[in-house]
Amino acid sequence: MLWLDSNNGNGKPGTFNNLQLDIVGFLAILGEGSVKANAQVSSLSLFSLLPRLLPAPQALILNTRPESLSPESGKVIGARSGGIRDNVNHIANLLHSKDPLPAYAVRCERITKPHLDDTVTANRFGPLTWLALLGTAMSIALLVLSIVRSDGMALLATILLSLLSSLIGFGSRWTLILMKRQHDRALTPDSVVIKYPRGAFLIIKCEEEISRELYWHPEECHYKVGNTTYRIMSLVGTIMLMFGVICLGNSTLPLQLAFAAAFLILNAAYWVVAALPPQWHWDLNCYKVEREEYEGGERNKSFTLALWKAIAITGTADWVRESQSAPFTDGWKRWLAKAGEEVEKEMEKDDGSGDEVVGEKGKVMKLPTWDASQALTDFLTQNRPGNNV
């Protein structure tokens, strides 16, 4: 069996020097998915400017850069203000998705910001930083090896592919802009409700300044480089990538093996980092999130019980009607009206402060006593044909 051809056409087995690795250039452009997964947050860090070996650098050469961070599924509702948005901002989702809500769950969290001037940044010493340092170490090792073995093509390939990452980093460098309140007008305290597709509700209690930053205005990406300059840099980067791959394909076999090993290690590392929770890549310490426990716990058996608990925590049923978070039948309308009455009666009794009991997790807020499920059954039964005859 012939494993290596001698390239002489005589059918005789070849030696190690006859091994062909021209395809190693393809390894330099593989792994787009894992690189794109954290591309936006990685360009927020200064470590993105380091010259380094980067798998699939073409994934970061874009025609247009995103103007805001990608939102997530969910409806944001102002419990008393009536404001409605059809998605959840990226930063808000990062704060709340550390422990995902199961179906029909209801959770209440209080968010504070000890220092109003602090903002969200990339995690300075997170996994993406170590990836950048690993790529830089690979570049230095290949640069030294190219010089030691006097491989000019490998040296050019290392320089072009390493500087390409710095060029992309400069072109994609940005800062995060969160909307601030422009006026100091007194506002009625309000809660923010997030309704998720699986019938779960998240109630957030926070100041207006925080809700404006996180929920009511999309985050903006302010780039350091203008669009025209960025397009020119993208063109230069594309040319550098093509010439880098050409030089790599014409380097000597030992250097091609070294490049192949480097790209295999980097692709594996980027894949692992892409699988990590996204919160690991952001510094969200400017916000303090505290969970408030309520009677009955978070989990509920049905959407009806979950909706009632969300109404009881917010203290109003108006947001359910405004956001169309419940069916619009006559039975549901009566149920919502009754739910609102039950909450108002409870608030009149305790002035809206709520009662506390001591549970396993510390202080637990009591909710109004009302059989929401049975009440809905009664209202829906009243609407059946023949019941009013």
Protein backbone atom coordinates (compact mmCIF):
# COMPACT_ATOMS: atom_id res chain seq x y z
CA MET A 1 0.00 0.00 0.00
CA LEU A 2 1.36 3.37 -1.02
CA TRP A 3 1.03 6.05 1.68
CA LEU A 4 3.23 8.83 0.28
CA ASP A 5 3.94 9.42 -3.39
CA SER A 6 7.49 10.34 -4.35
CA ASN A 7 6.04 12.80 -6.92
CA ASN A 8 8.32 11.28 -9.56
CA GLY A 9 5.62 9.21 -11.21
CA ASN A 10 7.52 5.94 -10.61
CA GLY A 11 5.04 4.57 -8.08
CA LYS A 12 7.70 4.30 -5.39
CA PRO A 13 6.90 5.36 -1.81
CA GLY A 14 7.99 8.85 -0.86
CA THR A 15 9.68 10.21 2.23
CA PHE A 16 8.50 12.66 4.90
CA ASN A 17 9.52 15.57 2.67
CA ASN A 18 7.00 14.42 0.07
CA LEU A 19 4.10 15.05 2.47
CA GLN A 20 1.77 17.72 0.99
CA LEU A 21 -0.02 20.14 3.30
CA ASP A 22 -1.20 22.75 0.82
CA ILE A 23 -4.65 22.44 2.37
CA VAL A 24 -3.32 23.89 5.65
CA GLY A 25 -4.40 27.30 4.39
CA PHE A 26 -8.01 26.20 4.77
CA LEU A 27 -7.45 25.66 8.48
CA ALA A 28 -6.80 29.39 8.77
CA ILE A 29 -10.34 30.19 7.60
CA LEU A 30 -12.29 27.48 9.46
CA GLY A 31 -14.32 28.04 12.62
CA GLU A 32 -16.53 31.03 11.72
CA GLY A 33 -19.34 30.05 14.08
CA SER A 34 -17.24 29.96 17.24
CA VAL A 35 -15.49 33.23 16.32
CA LYS A 36 -18.76 35.08 15.58
CA ALA A 37 -20.37 33.90 18.83
CA ASN A 38 -18.53 36.51 20.94
CA ALA A 39 -17.27 38.87 18.23
CA GLN A 40 -19.11 41.96 19.50
CA VAL A 41 -18.08 41.76 23.14
CA SER A 42 -14.50 40.82 22.26
CA SER A 43 -14.08 44.03 20.22
CA LEU A 44 -15.17 45.99 23.31
CA SER A 45 -11.93 44.96 25.05
CA LEU A 46 -8.51 46.52 24.47
CA PHE A 47 -7.08 43.01 24.11
CA SER A 48 -8.75 42.84 20.68
CA LEU A 49 -5.99 45.17 19.44
CA LEU A 50 -3.23 42.64 20.13
CA PRO A 51 -1.57 41.19 17.00
CA ARG A 52 -2.41 37.52 17.20
CA LEU A 53 -3.30 34.44 15.25
CA LEU A 54 -7.06 34.26 14.80
CA PRO A 55 -9.08 31.41 13.27
CA ALA A 56 -11.53 32.45 10.53
CA PRO A 57 -10.64 36.16 10.59
CA GLN A 58 -12.92 36.71 7.58
CA ALA A 59 -15.89 36.23 9.95
CA LEU A 60 -15.02 39.59 11.54
CA ILE A 61 -14.65 41.49 8.26
CA LEU A 62 -18.18 42.86 7.81
CA ASN A 63 -19.78 45.14 5.24
CA THR A 64 -21.75 46.93 7.97
CA ARG A 65 -21.28 46.87 11.72
CA PRO A 66 -24.22 46.31 14.09
CA GLU A 67 -25.60 49.53 15.59
CA SER A 68 -26.98 47.81 18.69
CA LEU A 69 -26.65 44.54 20.56
CA SER A 70 -28.91 41.66 19.55
CA PRO A 71 -32.16 41.58 21.59
CA GLU A 72 -33.80 38.47 23.01
CA SER A 73 -37.36 37.12 22.92
CA GLY A 74 -39.80 38.51 25.46
CA LYS A 75 -42.32 41.32 25.91
CA VAL A 76 -41.34 44.20 28.21
CA ILE A 77 -44.28 45.92 29.92
CA GLY A 78 -44.53 48.90 32.24
CA ALA A 79 -46.90 47.79 35.01
CA ARG A 80 -48.36 51.28 35.50
CA SER A 81 -46.84 53.39 32.73
CA GLY A 82 -48.34 51.25 29.97
CA GLY A 83 -45.08 51.14 27.99
CA ILE A 84 -44.59 48.05 25.82
CA ARG A 85 -41.61 46.70 23.89
CA ASP A 86 -41.57 43.48 21.90
CA ASN A 87 -38.10 42.29 22.89
CA VAL A 88 -35.66 42.28 25.80
CA ASN A 89 -32.43 44.26 25.51
CA HIS A 90 -29.21 42.27 25.43
CA ILE A 91 -27.72 43.60 28.70
CA ALA A 92 -31.01 43.15 30.56
CA ASN A 93 -31.22 39.57 29.33
CA LEU A 94 -27.66 38.91 30.56
CA LEU A 95 -28.62 40.10 34.04
CA HIS A 96 -31.73 37.94 34.23
CA SER A 97 -30.79 34.79 32.29
CA LYS A 98 -28.20 33.42 34.73
CA ASP A 99 -30.95 31.20 36.13
CA PRO A 100 -33.54 30.74 33.33
CA LEU A 101 -37.23 30.69 34.21
CA PRO A 102 -39.18 27.46 33.54
CA ALA A 103 -42.68 27.54 32.09
CA TYR A 104 -45.32 29.33 34.23
CA ALA A 105 -42.74 30.57 36.71
CA VAL A 106 -42.92 34.02 38.33
CA ARG A 107 -39.86 35.73 39.74
CA CYS A 108 -39.32 39.14 41.29
CA GLU A 109 -35.94 40.88 41.30
CA ARG A 110 -34.82 44.25 42.60
CA ILE A 111 -32.03 46.01 40.69
CA THR A 112 -29.96 48.84 42.14
CA LYS A 113 -26.94 50.73 40.89
CA PRO A 114 -24.67 51.86 43.75
CA HIS A 115 -22.63 54.15 41.49
CA LEU A 116 -24.72 55.77 38.77
CA ASP A 117 -21.67 56.74 36.69
CA ASP A 118 -20.47 53.12 36.34
CA THR A 119 -21.33 51.26 33.16
CA VAL A 120 -21.18 47.81 31.59
CA THR A 121 -17.85 46.76 30.06
CA ALA A 122 -16.16 43.61 28.80
CA ASN A 123 -14.74 41.28 31.44
CA ARG A 124 -11.12 42.38 31.59
CA PHE A 125 -9.74 39.00 32.63
CA GLY A 126 -12.44 36.77 31.19
CA PRO A 127 -12.08 33.81 28.81
CA LEU A 128 -11.86 36.09 25.75
CA THR A 129 -8.79 37.80 27.20
CA TRP A 130 -7.01 34.48 27.59
CA LEU A 131 -7.99 33.56 24.03
CA ALA A 132 -6.37 36.76 22.77
CA LEU A 133 -3.21 36.05 24.77
CA LEU A 134 -3.13 32.48 23.45
CA GLY A 135 -3.33 33.78 19.87
CA THR A 136 -0.52 36.26 20.58
CA ALA A 137 1.63 33.48 22.04
CA MET A 138 1.01 31.40 18.92
CA SER A 139 2.08 34.31 16.71
CA ILE A 140 5.28 34.85 18.67
CA ALA A 141 6.15 31.14 18.57
CA LEU A 142 5.57 30.92 14.80
CA LEU A 143 7.50 34.14 14.22
CA VAL A 144 10.52 32.81 16.11
CA LEU A 145 10.28 29.41 14.39
CA SER A 146 10.10 31.07 10.95
CA ILE A 147 13.23 33.09 11.66
CA VAL A 148 15.13 30.12 13.10
CA ARG A 149 14.32 27.96 10.07
CA SER A 150 14.85 30.87 7.62
CA ASP A 151 11.38 30.41 6.12
CA GLY A 152 10.53 33.75 4.52
CA MET A 153 7.05 32.72 3.36
CA ALA A 154 6.10 31.49 6.83
CA LEU A 155 7.44 34.74 8.28
CA LEU A 156 5.28 36.79 5.91
CA ALA A 157 2.25 34.61 6.63
CA THR A 158 2.70 35.06 10.38
CA ILE A 159 3.09 38.85 10.09
CA LEU A 160 0.12 39.29 7.72
CA LEU A 161 -2.30 37.05 9.62
CA SER A 162 -1.28 38.48 13.01
CA LEU A 163 -1.53 42.13 11.99
CA LEU A 164 -4.86 41.37 10.35
CA SER A 165 -6.42 40.74 13.77
CA SER A 166 -5.14 44.11 15.03
CA LEU A 167 -6.54 45.85 11.95
CA ILE A 168 -9.93 44.23 12.52
CA GLY A 169 -9.76 45.15 16.21
CA PHE A 170 -9.13 48.84 15.42
CA GLY A 171 -11.94 48.93 12.88
CA SER A 172 -14.45 47.24 15.19
CA ARG A 173 -13.50 49.06 18.40
CA TRP A 174 -16.60 50.51 20.09
CA THR A 175 -18.08 51.74 23.36
CA LEU A 176 -21.45 50.87 24.86
CA ILE A 177 -23.98 53.70 25.17
CA LEU A 178 -26.89 53.25 27.59
CA MET A 179 -29.69 55.81 27.48
CA LYS A 180 -29.80 58.24 30.42
CA ARG A 181 -32.71 60.28 31.71
CA GLN A 182 -32.58 63.84 30.44
CA HIS A 183 -34.97 65.35 33.01
CA ASP A 184 -35.42 65.11 36.78
CA ARG A 185 -39.22 65.17 36.75
CA ALA A 186 -40.86 63.26 39.59
CA LEU A 187 -42.34 59.98 38.37
CA THR A 188 -44.70 57.46 39.92
CA PRO A 189 -42.79 54.36 41.06
CA ASP A 190 -43.29 51.62 38.52
CA SER A 191 -42.36 47.99 38.00
CA VAL A 192 -41.21 46.37 34.79
CA VAL A 193 -42.79 43.08 33.73
CA ILE A 194 -41.14 40.75 31.23
CA LYS A 195 -43.44 38.13 29.74
CA TYR A 196 -41.57 35.21 28.19
CA PRO A 197 -42.91 32.96 25.41
CA ARG A 198 -43.36 29.95 27.74
CA GLY A 199 -45.81 31.79 29.99
CA ALA A 200 -43.25 32.88 32.59
CA PHE A 201 -43.15 36.35 34.14
CA LEU A 202 -40.25 38.33 35.55
CA ILE A 203 -41.08 41.41 37.65
CA ILE A 204 -38.29 43.96 38.10
CA LYS A 205 -38.35 46.68 40.71
CA CYS A 206 -35.90 49.50 40.06
CA GLU A 207 -35.53 53.25 39.72
CA GLU A 208 -36.53 55.01 36.51
CA GLU A 209 -32.88 55.69 35.63
CA ILE A 210 -32.13 51.97 35.64
CA SER A 211 -35.26 50.93 33.76
CA ARG A 212 -34.47 53.52 31.06
CA GLU A 213 -30.95 52.10 30.66
CA LEU A 214 -31.90 48.45 30.62
CA TYR A 215 -35.40 48.08 29.21
CA TRP A 216 -36.84 51.11 27.40
CA HIS A 217 -34.11 52.05 24.96
CA PRO A 218 -31.88 49.71 22.91
CA GLU A 219 -28.17 49.75 23.65
CA GLU A 220 -26.14 51.71 21.13
CA CYS A 221 -22.72 50.77 19.75
CA HIS A 222 -20.59 53.89 19.27
CA TYR A 223 -17.65 53.03 17.02
CA LYS A 224 -14.30 54.78 17.18
CA VAL A 225 -13.82 54.58 13.39
CA GLY A 226 -16.26 55.98 10.83
CA ASN A 227 -18.04 53.82 8.25
CA THR A 228 -15.95 54.96 5.27
CA THR A 229 -12.67 54.36 7.09
CA TYR A 230 -13.93 50.98 8.26
CA ARG A 231 -14.76 49.88 4.69
CA ILE A 232 -11.26 50.82 3.58
CA MET A 233 -9.81 48.86 6.51
CA SER A 234 -12.01 45.89 5.57
CA LEU A 235 -10.65 45.97 2.02
CA VAL A 236 -7.06 46.08 3.28
CA GLY A 237 -7.84 43.28 5.73
CA THR A 238 -9.28 41.09 2.97
CA ILE A 239 -6.13 41.59 0.87
CA MET A 240 -3.93 40.78 3.87
CA LEU A 241 -5.90 37.59 4.47
CA MET A 242 -5.56 36.42 0.86
CA PHE A 243 -1.82 37.08 0.73
CA GLY A 244 -1.37 35.51 4.17
CA VAL A 245 -3.04 32.28 3.04
CA ILE A 246 -0.96 32.27 -0.18
CA CYS A 247 2.27 32.69 1.80
CA LEU A 248 1.18 29.99 4.20
CA GLY A 249 0.63 27.56 1.34
CA ASN A 250 4.15 28.21 0.05
CA SER A 251 5.95 27.82 3.37
CA THR A 252 8.08 24.78 4.20
CA LEU A 253 6.59 21.59 5.55
CA PRO A 254 7.75 21.98 9.18
CA LEU A 255 6.19 25.45 9.37
CA GLN A 256 3.00 24.22 7.74
CA LEU A 257 2.80 21.55 10.42
CA ALA A 258 3.33 24.20 13.09
CA PHE A 259 0.58 26.39 11.59
CA ALA A 260 -1.76 23.40 11.37
CA ALA A 261 -1.19 22.58 15.05
CA ALA A 262 -1.69 26.23 16.05
CA PHE A 263 -4.99 26.57 14.18
CA LEU A 264 -6.27 23.24 15.51
CA ILE A 265 -5.56 24.36 19.09
CA LEU A 266 -7.09 27.80 18.53
CA ASN A 267 -10.23 26.40 16.89
CA ALA A 268 -10.73 24.03 19.81
CA ALA A 269 -10.20 26.86 22.31
CA TYR A 270 -12.64 29.18 20.51
CA TRP A 271 -15.23 26.41 20.36
CA VAL A 272 -14.97 25.83 24.12
CA VAL A 273 -15.24 29.56 24.90
CA ALA A 274 -18.25 29.92 22.57
CA ALA A 275 -20.02 27.25 24.63
CA LEU A 276 -19.54 29.15 27.92
CA PRO A 277 -22.35 31.28 29.42
CA PRO A 278 -22.30 34.76 27.82
CA GLN A 279 -22.24 36.40 31.26
CA TRP A 280 -18.64 35.25 31.65
CA HIS A 281 -17.54 37.71 28.96
CA TRP A 282 -19.18 40.83 30.44
CA ASP A 283 -18.52 42.91 33.55
CA LEU A 284 -22.02 43.54 34.97
CA ASN A 285 -20.89 44.45 38.49
CA CYS A 286 -22.25 47.98 38.21
CA TYR A 287 -25.71 46.49 38.81
CA LYS A 288 -26.75 44.74 42.00
CA VAL A 289 -29.53 42.17 41.51
CA GLU A 290 -31.43 40.86 44.54
CA ARG A 291 -34.22 38.32 44.38
CA GLU A 292 -37.38 38.92 46.39
CA GLU A 293 -39.20 35.82 47.58
CA TYR A 294 -42.98 35.58 47.56
CA GLU A 295 -45.42 33.16 49.12
CA GLY A 296 -45.85 29.98 47.10
CA GLY A 297 -42.46 30.07 45.40
CA GLU A 298 -41.66 30.69 41.75
CA ARG A 299 -43.16 27.65 40.08
CA ASN A 300 -46.86 27.44 39.20
CA LYS A 301 -49.01 24.69 37.76
CA SER A 302 -50.79 26.79 35.15
CA PHE A 303 -50.66 30.06 33.25
CA THR A 304 -53.65 31.33 35.25
CA LEU A 305 -51.85 30.98 38.57
CA ALA A 306 -48.70 32.52 37.13
CA LEU A 307 -50.63 35.51 35.78
CA TRP A 308 -52.43 36.03 39.08
CA LYS A 309 -49.17 35.96 41.01
CA ALA A 310 -47.65 38.52 38.61
CA ILE A 311 -50.70 40.77 39.06
CA ALA A 312 -50.51 40.44 42.86
CA ILE A 313 -46.81 41.36 42.92
CA THR A 314 -47.19 44.40 40.64
CA GLY A 315 -50.34 45.55 42.43
CA THR A 316 -52.36 46.16 39.26
CA ALA A 317 -53.99 44.26 36.40
CA ASP A 318 -53.95 47.17 33.95
CA TRP A 319 -50.75 46.02 32.25
CA VAL A 320 -52.36 42.69 31.35
CA ARG A 321 -55.06 44.45 29.32
CA GLU A 322 -52.67 46.94 27.72
CA SER A 323 -50.21 44.26 26.62
CA GLN A 324 -52.87 41.67 25.71
CA SER A 325 -51.12 39.14 27.90
CA ALA A 326 -54.37 37.22 28.47
CA PRO A 327 -57.19 36.04 26.19
CA PHE A 328 -59.77 38.67 25.27
CA THR A 329 -62.95 36.69 25.99
CA ASP A 330 -65.74 37.89 28.30
CA GLY A 331 -64.80 35.32 30.95
CA TRP A 332 -61.18 36.48 31.02
CA LYS A 333 -62.26 40.13 31.11
CA ARG A 334 -64.36 39.47 34.23
CA TRP A 335 -61.51 37.51 35.77
CA LEU A 336 -59.05 40.36 35.19
CA ALA A 337 -61.49 42.86 36.70
CA LYS A 338 -61.92 40.65 39.76
CA ALA A 339 -58.15 40.13 40.06
CA GLY A 340 -57.64 43.89 40.02
CA GLU A 341 -60.26 44.33 42.75
CA GLU A 342 -58.64 41.69 44.95
CA VAL A 343 -55.23 43.37 44.65
CA GLU A 344 -56.64 46.82 45.37
CA LYS A 345 -58.43 45.56 48.48
CA GLU A 346 -55.21 44.04 49.77
CA MET A 347 -53.29 47.25 49.10
CA GLU A 348 -55.88 49.30 50.96
CA LYS A 349 -55.54 47.04 53.99
CA ASP A 350 -51.75 47.27 54.31
CA ASP A 351 -51.11 50.57 52.48
CA GLY A 352 -49.25 48.69 49.73
CA SER A 353 -46.41 47.68 52.02
CA GLY A 354 -47.25 43.96 52.06
CA ASP A 355 -46.94 41.46 54.90
CA GLU A 356 -43.84 39.41 55.53
CA VAL A 357 -43.44 35.91 56.88
CA VAL A 358 -40.22 34.07 57.68
CA GLY A 359 -39.54 31.08 55.44
CA GLU A 360 -36.63 28.80 54.64
CA LYS A 361 -35.05 31.48 52.42
CA GLY A 362 -35.55 34.32 54.88
CA LYS A 363 -38.27 36.94 54.51
CA VAL A 364 -41.11 35.94 52.19
CA MET A 365 -43.77 38.41 51.07
CA LYS A 366 -47.39 37.30 51.46
CA LEU A 367 -49.81 37.54 48.56
CA PRO A 368 -53.59 38.13 48.63
CA THR A 369 -55.61 34.99 49.34
CA TRP A 370 -57.78 34.28 46.30
CA ASP A 371 -58.51 31.13 44.33
CA ALA A 372 -57.66 32.50 40.91
CA SER A 373 -58.02 29.17 39.13
CA GLN A 374 -61.51 28.45 40.48
CA ALA A 375 -62.59 32.02 39.79
CA LEU A 376 -61.59 31.70 36.13
CA THR A 377 -63.46 28.39 35.88
CA ASP A 378 -66.60 30.05 37.26
CA PHE A 379 -66.37 33.03 34.89
CA LEU A 380 -65.78 30.84 31.84
CA THR A 381 -68.64 28.50 32.84
CA GLN A 382 -71.05 31.45 33.02
CA ASN A 383 -70.46 32.11 29.31
CA ARG A 384 -71.37 28.60 28.16
CA PRO A 385 -74.62 28.29 26.11
CA GLY A 386 -77.59 27.41 28.29
CA ASN A 387 -76.13 28.64 31.56
CA ASN A 388 -77.98 31.96 31.38
CA VAL A 389 -81.39 30.51 30.37
